[in-house]
């Protein structure tokens, strides 16, 4: 009888209950802090906050192909016959490339399907939870893969940050945009479009950002069924709570989750203050 495993990367670990599911394994990205390298899964949130405000240099890197090969072999040794690999966008990370290289190195009977999404972090988590439910319900592999493609076909991620300089330092935003946003106290809205982070809108206030996110939920709800919304609030519990309450009031049939943590990789690139939403629907 087929046995299906789900392999994700560590930037997707934004909910504490993900690893309570036996079918899930994680390929950790790496962070380099002042010359010391760590697996992302080995750094606590408290330690990351300390590094974020004291470290002189922080960078990140994808898992090596050998890490994926080790996990594929581990799945096989535990009796898994199929593995679905759902990863951060390949436009902002080479993680999917490592997964593909490792698949080519396999010499054991294991069917592996690799799907780099066009989103990242809590945006991937939002869809992964539905895939875990499908696997645990015993759905066949082709149906789980089809559900994955359907869930992420029009997935959305958008957020605002208090400081854009982390995005600039990580090479994901040009210096001029970062300086203008930071010096003028502009509230930038960053969205993932075609798998890349883009500065799409500049607002003067948090309330304007809040209204923009609500407008996007309303528009998305018109186009999709089975909608799930993950509200992200990093040290902005006030705006996260307001979004959860407003979305729930307007859309009682939408599944809503509040996320209040990021993985170390995304703390490095985004900083430690902001709020926004992720959406999946079919």
C-alpha atoms as a PDB file:
ATOM      1  CA  UNK A   1       0.000   0.000   0.000  1.00  0.00           C
ATOM      2  CA  UNK A   2       1.402   3.448  -0.916  1.00  0.00           C
ATOM      3  CA  UNK A   3       2.725   5.557   1.940  1.00  0.00           C
ATOM      4  CA  UNK A   4       3.089   9.302   1.300  1.00  0.00           C
ATOM      5  CA  UNK A   5       5.559  11.644   2.954  1.00  0.00           C
ATOM      6  CA  UNK A   6       5.697  15.438   2.830  1.00  0.00           C
ATOM      7  CA  UNK A   7       9.036  17.251   2.764  1.00  0.00           C
ATOM      8  CA  UNK A   8       9.188  20.991   3.413  1.00  0.00           C
ATOM      9  CA  UNK A   9      11.995  23.459   4.007  1.00  0.00           C
ATOM     10  CA  UNK A  10      12.569  25.080   7.391  1.00  0.00           C
ATOM     11  CA  UNK A  11      11.244  28.524   6.392  1.00  0.00           C
ATOM     12  CA  UNK A  12       7.792  26.912   6.435  1.00  0.00           C
ATOM     13  CA  UNK A  13       8.029  26.135  10.165  1.00  0.00           C
ATOM     14  CA  UNK A  14       5.830  29.036  11.306  1.00  0.00           C
ATOM     15  CA  UNK A  15       3.385  26.839  13.243  1.00  0.00           C
ATOM     16  CA  UNK A  16       4.437  24.721  16.179  1.00  0.00           C
ATOM     17  CA  UNK A  17       2.167  21.805  15.324  1.00  0.00           C
ATOM     18  CA  UNK A  18       3.581  21.014  11.872  1.00  0.00           C
ATOM     19  CA  UNK A  19       6.169  18.566  13.162  1.00  0.00           C
ATOM     20  CA  UNK A  20       3.602  16.690  15.240  1.00  0.00           C
ATOM     21  CA  UNK A  21       2.505  15.033  11.988  1.00  0.00           C
ATOM     22  CA  UNK A  22       4.450  11.846  11.318  1.00  0.00           C
ATOM     23  CA  UNK A  23       4.398  12.247   7.530  1.00  0.00           C
ATOM     24  CA  UNK A  24       6.382  15.523   7.626  1.00  0.00           C
ATOM     25  CA  UNK A  25      10.143  16.006   7.445  1.00  0.00           C
ATOM     26  CA  UNK A  26      12.108  19.248   7.163  1.00  0.00           C
ATOM     27  CA  UNK A  27      15.143  20.284   5.122  1.00  0.00           C
ATOM     28  CA  UNK A  28      16.835  23.078   7.110  1.00  0.00           C
ATOM     29  CA  UNK A  29      18.274  26.158   5.453  1.00  0.00           C
ATOM     30  CA  UNK A  30      21.441  27.625   6.946  1.00  0.00           C
ATOM     31  CA  UNK A  31      22.207  30.971   8.534  1.00  0.00           C
ATOM     32  CA  UNK A  32      25.668  32.489   8.836  1.00  0.00           C
ATOM     33  CA  UNK A  33      26.005  34.926  11.739  1.00  0.00           C
ATOM     34  CA  UNK A  34      29.312  36.739  12.222  1.00  0.00           C
ATOM     35  CA  UNK A  35      31.197  33.839  10.684  1.00  0.00           C
ATOM     36  CA  UNK A  36      29.362  31.059  12.549  1.00  0.00           C
ATOM     37  CA  UNK A  37      27.086  28.743  10.555  1.00  0.00           C
ATOM     38  CA  UNK A  38      23.904  27.248  12.008  1.00  0.00           C
ATOM     39  CA  UNK A  39      21.122  25.052  10.736  1.00  0.00           C
ATOM     40  CA  UNK A  40      18.011  27.163  10.862  1.00  0.00           C
ATOM     41  CA  UNK A  41      16.205  24.596  12.984  1.00  0.00           C
ATOM     42  CA  UNK A  42      18.905  24.831  15.677  1.00  0.00           C
ATOM     43  CA  UNK A  43      18.339  28.521  16.502  1.00  0.00           C
ATOM     44  CA  UNK A  44      15.620  29.487  18.967  1.00  0.00           C
ATOM     45  CA  UNK A  45      13.492  32.540  18.358  1.00  0.00           C
ATOM     46  CA  UNK A  46      14.921  34.235  21.448  1.00  0.00           C
ATOM     47  CA  UNK A  47      18.489  33.662  20.240  1.00  0.00           C
ATOM     48  CA  UNK A  48      17.575  34.927  16.775  1.00  0.00           C
ATOM     49  CA  UNK A  49      16.187  38.143  18.242  1.00  0.00           C
ATOM     50  CA  UNK A  50      19.455  38.641  20.095  1.00  0.00           C
ATOM     51  CA  UNK A  51      21.512  38.108  16.947  1.00  0.00           C
ATOM     52  CA  UNK A  52      19.225  40.353  14.909  1.00  0.00           C
ATOM     53  CA  UNK A  53      20.086  43.360  17.059  1.00  0.00           C
ATOM     54  CA  UNK A  54      23.745  42.637  17.808  1.00  0.00           C
ATOM     55  CA  UNK A  55      25.292  40.760  14.860  1.00  0.00           C
ATOM     56  CA  UNK A  56      27.434  42.641  12.371  1.00  0.00           C
ATOM     57  CA  UNK A  57      26.858  40.310   9.412  1.00  0.00           C
ATOM     58  CA  UNK A  58      24.120  37.784   8.718  1.00  0.00           C
ATOM     59  CA  UNK A  59      23.511  35.770   5.549  1.00  0.00           C
ATOM     60  CA  UNK A  60      21.552  32.670   4.588  1.00  0.00           C
ATOM     61  CA  UNK A  61      22.047  29.681   2.296  1.00  0.00           C
ATOM     62  CA  UNK A  62      20.041  26.796   0.896  1.00  0.00           C
ATOM     63  CA  UNK A  63      20.314  23.189   2.105  1.00  0.00           C
ATOM     64  CA  UNK A  64      22.956  21.133   0.307  1.00  0.00           C
ATOM     65  CA  UNK A  65      21.753  18.377  -2.061  1.00  0.00           C
ATOM     66  CA  UNK A  66      23.174  15.859   0.410  1.00  0.00           C
ATOM     67  CA  UNK A  67      20.676  16.998   3.019  1.00  0.00           C
ATOM     68  CA  UNK A  68      17.782  16.261   0.684  1.00  0.00           C
ATOM     69  CA  UNK A  69      19.291  12.917  -0.305  1.00  0.00           C
ATOM     70  CA  UNK A  70      19.581  11.968   3.375  1.00  0.00           C
ATOM     71  CA  UNK A  71      15.911  12.836   3.933  1.00  0.00           C
ATOM     72  CA  UNK A  72      14.753  10.924   0.838  1.00  0.00           C
ATOM     73  CA  UNK A  73      16.617   7.857   2.064  1.00  0.00           C
ATOM     74  CA  UNK A  74      15.166   8.315   5.540  1.00  0.00           C
ATOM     75  CA  UNK A  75      11.654   8.357   4.110  1.00  0.00           C
ATOM     76  CA  UNK A  76      12.387   5.157   2.173  1.00  0.00           C
ATOM     77  CA  UNK A  77      13.837   3.419   5.229  1.00  0.00           C
ATOM     78  CA  UNK A  78      10.585   4.157   7.065  1.00  0.00           C
ATOM     79  CA  UNK A  79       8.479   2.508   4.368  1.00  0.00           C
ATOM     80  CA  UNK A  80       7.411   5.580   2.415  1.00  0.00           C
ATOM     81  CA  UNK A  81       6.845   4.969  -1.290  1.00  0.00           C
ATOM     82  CA  UNK A  82       6.074   8.545  -2.390  1.00  0.00           C
ATOM     83  CA  UNK A  83       7.318  11.968  -1.266  1.00  0.00           C
ATOM     84  CA  UNK A  84       5.865  15.349  -2.155  1.00  0.00           C
ATOM     85  CA  UNK A  85       8.419  18.142  -1.724  1.00  0.00           C
ATOM     86  CA  UNK A  86       6.805  21.575  -1.228  1.00  0.00           C
ATOM     87  CA  UNK A  87       9.290  24.423  -1.057  1.00  0.00           C
ATOM     88  CA  UNK A  88       9.930  28.136  -0.940  1.00  0.00           C
ATOM     89  CA  UNK A  89       9.864  29.938  -4.304  1.00  0.00           C
ATOM     90  CA  UNK A  90      12.805  29.070  -6.538  1.00  0.00           C
ATOM     91  CA  UNK A  91      12.995  32.751  -7.543  1.00  0.00           C
ATOM     92  CA  UNK A  92      14.335  33.727  -4.108  1.00  0.00           C
ATOM     93  CA  UNK A  93      16.146  30.556  -3.006  1.00  0.00           C
ATOM     94  CA  UNK A  94      18.135  27.721  -4.534  1.00  0.00           C
ATOM     95  CA  UNK A  95      16.478  25.221  -2.189  1.00  0.00           C
ATOM     96  CA  UNK A  96      14.435  23.595  -4.964  1.00  0.00           C
ATOM     97  CA  UNK A  97      17.574  23.176  -7.074  1.00  0.00           C
ATOM     98  CA  UNK A  98      19.195  21.195  -4.270  1.00  0.00           C
ATOM     99  CA  UNK A  99      16.091  19.011  -4.034  1.00  0.00           C
ATOM    100  CA  UNK A 100      16.197  18.308  -7.772  1.00  0.00           C
ATOM    101  CA  UNK A 101      19.916  17.433  -7.717  1.00  0.00           C
ATOM    102  CA  UNK A 102      19.340  15.030  -4.826  1.00  0.00           C
ATOM    103  CA  UNK A 103      16.451  13.380  -6.654  1.00  0.00           C
ATOM    104  CA  UNK A 104      18.810  12.651  -9.545  1.00  0.00           C
ATOM    105  CA  UNK A 105      21.173  10.915  -7.115  1.00  0.00           C
ATOM    106  CA  UNK A 106      18.536   8.498  -5.814  1.00  0.00           C
ATOM    107  CA  UNK A 107      19.139   4.802  -6.478  1.00  0.00           C
ATOM    108  CA  UNK A 108      16.225   3.483  -4.427  1.00  0.00           C
ATOM    109  CA  UNK A 109      12.567   2.946  -5.437  1.00  0.00           C
ATOM    110  CA  UNK A 110      11.015   6.179  -4.188  1.00  0.00           C
ATOM    111  CA  UNK A 111       8.696   8.409  -6.219  1.00  0.00           C
ATOM    112  CA  UNK A 112       9.530  12.062  -5.567  1.00  0.00           C
ATOM    113  CA  UNK A 113       7.523  15.053  -6.820  1.00  0.00           C
ATOM    114  CA  UNK A 114       9.154  18.470  -6.273  1.00  0.00           C
ATOM    115  CA  UNK A 115       6.972  21.562  -6.215  1.00  0.00           C
ATOM    116  CA  UNK A 116       8.564  24.976  -5.598  1.00  0.00           C
ATOM    117  CA  UNK A 117       5.722  27.359  -4.828  1.00  0.00           C
ATOM    118  CA  UNK A 118       5.569  31.018  -5.866  1.00  0.00           C
ATOM    119  CA  UNK A 119       5.344  32.070  -2.209  1.00  0.00           C
ATOM    120  CA  UNK A 120       7.375  31.582   0.972  1.00  0.00           C
ATOM    121  CA  UNK A 121       7.299  31.046   4.720  1.00  0.00           C
ATOM    122  CA  UNK A 122       3.805  31.441   6.206  1.00  0.00           C
ATOM    123  CA  UNK A 123       2.423  31.546   2.652  1.00  0.00           C
ATOM    124  CA  UNK A 124       3.629  27.974   2.113  1.00  0.00           C
ATOM    125  CA  UNK A 125       2.468  26.895   5.565  1.00  0.00           C
ATOM    126  CA  UNK A 126      -1.035  28.072   4.759  1.00  0.00           C
ATOM    127  CA  UNK A 127      -1.366  25.467   2.000  1.00  0.00           C
ATOM    128  CA  UNK A 128       0.781  22.761   3.573  1.00  0.00           C
ATOM    129  CA  UNK A 129      -1.721  22.247   6.393  1.00  0.00           C
ATOM    130  CA  UNK A 130      -4.374  21.177   3.864  1.00  0.00           C
ATOM    131  CA  UNK A 131      -1.923  18.777   2.206  1.00  0.00           C
ATOM    132  CA  UNK A 132      -1.126  17.161   5.557  1.00  0.00           C
ATOM    133  CA  UNK A 133      -4.850  16.609   6.106  1.00  0.00           C
ATOM    134  CA  UNK A 134      -5.188  14.995   2.663  1.00  0.00           C
ATOM    135  CA  UNK A 135      -2.236  12.669   3.277  1.00  0.00           C
ATOM    136  CA  UNK A 136      -3.554  11.638   6.686  1.00  0.00           C
ATOM    137  CA  UNK A 137      -6.982  11.022   5.142  1.00  0.00           C
ATOM    138  CA  UNK A 138      -5.383   8.434   2.841  1.00  0.00           C
ATOM    139  CA  UNK A 139      -5.791  10.226  -0.477  1.00  0.00           C
ATOM    140  CA  UNK A 140      -3.750   8.787  -3.375  1.00  0.00           C
ATOM    141  CA  UNK A 141      -0.489  10.467  -4.379  1.00  0.00           C
ATOM    142  CA  UNK A 142      -1.725  11.898  -7.687  1.00  0.00           C
ATOM    143  CA  UNK A 143      -4.645  13.510  -5.884  1.00  0.00           C
ATOM    144  CA  UNK A 144      -2.361  15.045  -3.233  1.00  0.00           C
ATOM    145  CA  UNK A 145      -0.046  16.412  -5.938  1.00  0.00           C
ATOM    146  CA  UNK A 146      -3.040  17.804  -7.823  1.00  0.00           C
ATOM    147  CA  UNK A 147      -4.317  19.458  -4.637  1.00  0.00           C
ATOM    148  CA  UNK A 148      -0.901  21.012  -4.094  1.00  0.00           C
ATOM    149  CA  UNK A 149      -0.901  22.564  -7.556  1.00  0.00           C
ATOM    150  CA  UNK A 150      -4.460  23.794  -7.091  1.00  0.00           C
ATOM    151  CA  UNK A 151      -3.806  25.342  -3.672  1.00  0.00           C
ATOM    152  CA  UNK A 152      -0.734  27.255  -4.764  1.00  0.00           C
ATOM    153  CA  UNK A 153      -1.870  28.228  -8.271  1.00  0.00           C
ATOM    154  CA  UNK A 154      -3.012  31.640  -7.042  1.00  0.00           C
ATOM    155  CA  UNK A 155      -1.513  31.815  -3.554  1.00  0.00           C
ATOM    156  CA  UNK A 156      -0.871  35.321  -2.232  1.00  0.00           C
ATOM    157  CA  UNK A 157       1.559  36.803   0.275  1.00  0.00           C
ATOM    158  CA  UNK A 158       1.642  40.483   1.220  1.00  0.00           C
ATOM    159  CA  UNK A 159       2.891  42.392   4.228  1.00  0.00           C
ATOM    160  CA  UNK A 160       4.203  45.697   5.495  1.00  0.00           C
ATOM    161  CA  UNK A 161       7.439  46.223   7.409  1.00  0.00           C
ATOM    162  CA  UNK A 162       8.597  48.857   9.843  1.00  0.00           C
ATOM    163  CA  UNK A 163      12.085  48.898   8.324  1.00  0.00           C
ATOM    164  CA  UNK A 164      13.148  48.063   4.772  1.00  0.00           C
ATOM    165  CA  UNK A 165      16.901  47.921   5.359  1.00  0.00           C
ATOM    166  CA  UNK A 166      16.887  44.166   6.042  1.00  0.00           C
ATOM    167  CA  UNK A 167      15.442  43.579   2.571  1.00  0.00           C
ATOM    168  CA  UNK A 168      18.161  45.762   1.073  1.00  0.00           C
ATOM    169  CA  UNK A 169      20.966  44.004   2.973  1.00  0.00           C
ATOM    170  CA  UNK A 170      19.635  40.669   1.757  1.00  0.00           C
ATOM    171  CA  UNK A 171      19.747  41.871  -1.853  1.00  0.00           C
ATOM    172  CA  UNK A 172      15.983  41.679  -2.306  1.00  0.00           C
ATOM    173  CA  UNK A 173      15.284  45.419  -2.584  1.00  0.00           C
ATOM    174  CA  UNK A 174      17.319  48.224  -4.141  1.00  0.00           C
ATOM    175  CA  UNK A 175      19.034  50.710  -1.840  1.00  0.00           C
ATOM    176  CA  UNK A 176      17.093  53.759  -2.997  1.00  0.00           C
ATOM    177  CA  UNK A 177      13.691  52.185  -2.285  1.00  0.00           C
ATOM    178  CA  UNK A 178      14.897  50.995   1.110  1.00  0.00           C
ATOM    179  CA  UNK A 179      16.273  54.404   2.083  1.00  0.00           C
ATOM    180  CA  UNK A 180      13.205  56.319   0.906  1.00  0.00           C
ATOM    181  CA  UNK A 181      10.878  54.003   2.784  1.00  0.00           C
ATOM    182  CA  UNK A 182      12.920  54.110   5.989  1.00  0.00           C
ATOM    183  CA  UNK A 183      13.808  57.824   6.087  1.00  0.00           C
ATOM    184  CA  UNK A 184      10.364  59.091   5.112  1.00  0.00           C
ATOM    185  CA  UNK A 185       8.593  56.619   7.387  1.00  0.00           C
ATOM    186  CA  UNK A 186       6.668  55.228   4.432  1.00  0.00           C
ATOM    187  CA  UNK A 187       4.639  52.080   5.157  1.00  0.00           C
ATOM    188  CA  UNK A 188       5.717  49.817   2.297  1.00  0.00           C
ATOM    189  CA  UNK A 189       3.605  46.931   1.079  1.00  0.00           C
ATOM    190  CA  UNK A 190       5.670  44.008  -0.156  1.00  0.00           C
ATOM    191  CA  UNK A 191       4.016  41.292  -2.238  1.00  0.00           C
ATOM    192  CA  UNK A 192       5.224  38.069  -3.782  1.00  0.00           C
ATOM    193  CA  UNK A 193       4.591  38.332  -7.504  1.00  0.00           C
ATOM    194  CA  UNK A 194       5.750  35.557  -9.823  1.00  0.00           C
ATOM    195  CA  UNK A 195       7.736  34.157  -6.929  1.00  0.00           C
ATOM    196  CA  UNK A 196       9.673  37.338  -6.165  1.00  0.00           C
ATOM    197  CA  UNK A 197       9.375  39.937  -3.401  1.00  0.00           C
ATOM    198  CA  UNK A 198       8.308  43.266  -4.862  1.00  0.00           C
ATOM    199  CA  UNK A 199       7.547  46.643  -3.346  1.00  0.00           C
ATOM    200  CA  UNK A 200       4.095  47.249  -4.846  1.00  0.00           C
ATOM    201  CA  UNK A 201       2.593  50.063  -2.802  1.00  0.00           C
ATOM    202  CA  UNK A 202       3.600  52.853  -0.422  1.00  0.00           C
ATOM    203  CA  UNK A 203       1.208  53.980   2.264  1.00  0.00           C
ATOM    204  CA  UNK A 204       1.465  56.715   4.880  1.00  0.00           C
ATOM    205  CA  UNK A 205      -0.212  54.859   7.735  1.00  0.00           C
ATOM    206  CA  UNK A 206      -0.704  51.377   9.124  1.00  0.00           C
ATOM    207  CA  UNK A 207      -4.465  51.805   8.827  1.00  0.00           C
ATOM    208  CA  UNK A 208      -4.061  52.257   5.073  1.00  0.00           C
ATOM    209  CA  UNK A 209      -2.080  49.010   4.908  1.00  0.00           C
ATOM    210  CA  UNK A 210      -4.731  47.287   6.998  1.00  0.00           C
ATOM    211  CA  UNK A 211      -7.469  48.458   4.611  1.00  0.00           C
ATOM    212  CA  UNK A 212      -5.441  47.316   1.605  1.00  0.00           C
ATOM    213  CA  UNK A 213      -5.107  43.815   3.048  1.00  0.00           C
ATOM    214  CA  UNK A 214      -8.852  43.654   3.734  1.00  0.00           C
ATOM    215  CA  UNK A 215      -9.623  44.759   0.181  1.00  0.00           C
ATOM    216  CA  UNK A 216      -7.432  41.968  -1.141  1.00  0.00           C
ATOM    217  CA  UNK A 217      -9.210  39.375   1.007  1.00  0.00           C
ATOM    218  CA  UNK A 218     -12.578  40.585  -0.314  1.00  0.00           C
ATOM    219  CA  UNK A 219     -11.409  40.374  -3.924  1.00  0.00           C
ATOM    220  CA  UNK A 220      -9.810  36.955  -3.404  1.00  0.00           C
ATOM    221  CA  UNK A 221     -12.951  35.618  -1.766  1.00  0.00           C
ATOM    222  CA  UNK A 222     -14.972  36.458  -4.890  1.00  0.00           C
ATOM    223  CA  UNK A 223     -12.654  34.409  -7.104  1.00  0.00           C
ATOM    224  CA  UNK A 224     -11.985  31.369  -4.904  1.00  0.00           C
ATOM    225  CA  UNK A 225     -13.669  28.796  -2.694  1.00  0.00           C
ATOM    226  CA  UNK A 226     -12.146  26.981   0.286  1.00  0.00           C
ATOM    227  CA  UNK A 227     -10.191  30.095   1.180  1.00  0.00           C
ATOM    228  CA  UNK A 228      -7.612  30.051   3.982  1.00  0.00           C
ATOM    229  CA  UNK A 229      -6.025  33.215   5.320  1.00  0.00           C
ATOM    230  CA  UNK A 230      -2.927  33.307   7.498  1.00  0.00           C
ATOM    231  CA  UNK A 231      -2.495  36.648   9.239  1.00  0.00           C
ATOM    232  CA  UNK A 232       1.118  37.386  10.159  1.00  0.00           C
ATOM    233  CA  UNK A 233       1.875  39.751  13.039  1.00  0.00           C
ATOM    234  CA  UNK A 234       5.510  40.099  14.122  1.00  0.00           C
ATOM    235  CA  UNK A 235       5.622  42.329  17.192  1.00  0.00           C
ATOM    236  CA  UNK A 236       2.467  43.987  15.890  1.00  0.00           C
ATOM    237  CA  UNK A 237      -0.185  42.056  17.769  1.00  0.00           C
ATOM    238  CA  UNK A 238      -2.525  45.050  17.620  1.00  0.00           C
ATOM    239  CA  UNK A 239      -2.783  44.984  13.836  1.00  0.00           C
ATOM    240  CA  UNK A 240      -2.789  41.200  13.662  1.00  0.00           C
ATOM    241  CA  UNK A 241      -5.744  40.992  16.034  1.00  0.00           C
ATOM    242  CA  UNK A 242      -7.608  43.688  14.095  1.00  0.00           C
ATOM    243  CA  UNK A 243      -7.123  41.815  10.834  1.00  0.00           C
ATOM    244  CA  UNK A 244      -8.262  38.493  12.289  1.00  0.00           C
ATOM    245  CA  UNK A 245     -11.379  40.096  13.771  1.00  0.00           C
ATOM    246  CA  UNK A 246     -12.300  42.007  10.603  1.00  0.00           C
ATOM    247  CA  UNK A 247     -11.705  39.097   8.211  1.00  0.00           C
ATOM    248  CA  UNK A 248     -13.681  36.736  10.432  1.00  0.00           C
ATOM    249  CA  UNK A 249     -16.551  39.182  10.787  1.00  0.00           C
ATOM    250  CA  UNK A 250     -16.861  39.726   7.027  1.00  0.00           C
ATOM    251  CA  UNK A 251     -16.135  36.104   6.013  1.00  0.00           C
ATOM    252  CA  UNK A 252     -17.340  33.598   8.604  1.00  0.00           C
ATOM    253  CA  UNK A 253     -16.656  30.699   6.216  1.00  0.00           C
ATOM    254  CA  UNK A 254     -12.961  31.524   5.737  1.00  0.00           C
ATOM    255  CA  UNK A 255     -10.358  29.580   7.717  1.00  0.00           C
ATOM    256  CA  UNK A 256      -8.155  32.078   9.575  1.00  0.00           C
ATOM    257  CA  UNK A 257      -4.911  31.496  11.409  1.00  0.00           C
ATOM    258  CA  UNK A 258      -2.768  34.029  13.283  1.00  0.00           C
ATOM    259  CA  UNK A 259       1.000  33.554  12.962  1.00  0.00           C
ATOM    260  CA  UNK A 260       3.318  35.433  15.293  1.00  0.00           C
ATOM    261  CA  UNK A 261       6.707  34.010  14.389  1.00  0.00           C
ATOM    262  CA  UNK A 262       8.999  33.662  11.403  1.00  0.00           C
ATOM    263  CA  UNK A 263      11.905  31.333  10.770  1.00  0.00           C
ATOM    264  CA  UNK A 264      15.418  32.742  11.366  1.00  0.00           C
ATOM    265  CA  UNK A 265      16.020  33.096   7.609  1.00  0.00           C
ATOM    266  CA  UNK A 266      13.090  35.454   7.250  1.00  0.00           C
ATOM    267  CA  UNK A 267      13.914  37.413  10.387  1.00  0.00           C
ATOM    268  CA  UNK A 268      17.271  38.113   8.757  1.00  0.00           C
ATOM    269  CA  UNK A 269      15.700  39.298   5.500  1.00  0.00           C
ATOM    270  CA  UNK A 270      12.578  41.045   6.836  1.00  0.00           C
ATOM    271  CA  UNK A 271      13.396  42.225  10.349  1.00  0.00           C
ATOM    272  CA  UNK A 272      11.312  41.769  13.467  1.00  0.00           C
ATOM    273  CA  UNK A 273       8.315  44.046  13.020  1.00  0.00           C
ATOM    274  CA  UNK A 274       5.462  43.959  10.530  1.00  0.00           C
ATOM    275  CA  UNK A 275       2.077  42.506   9.665  1.00  0.00           C
ATOM    276  CA  UNK A 276       0.260  41.113   6.638  1.00  0.00           C
ATOM    277  CA  UNK A 277      -1.609  38.190   5.141  1.00  0.00           C
ATOM    278  CA  UNK A 278      -1.208  35.028   3.084  1.00  0.00           C
ATOM    279  CA  UNK A 279      -4.069  33.443   1.137  1.00  0.00           C
ATOM    280  CA  UNK A 280      -4.749  30.152  -0.595  1.00  0.00           C
ATOM    281  CA  UNK A 281      -7.944  29.104  -2.333  1.00  0.00           C
ATOM    282  CA  UNK A 282      -9.196  26.807  -5.057  1.00  0.00           C
END
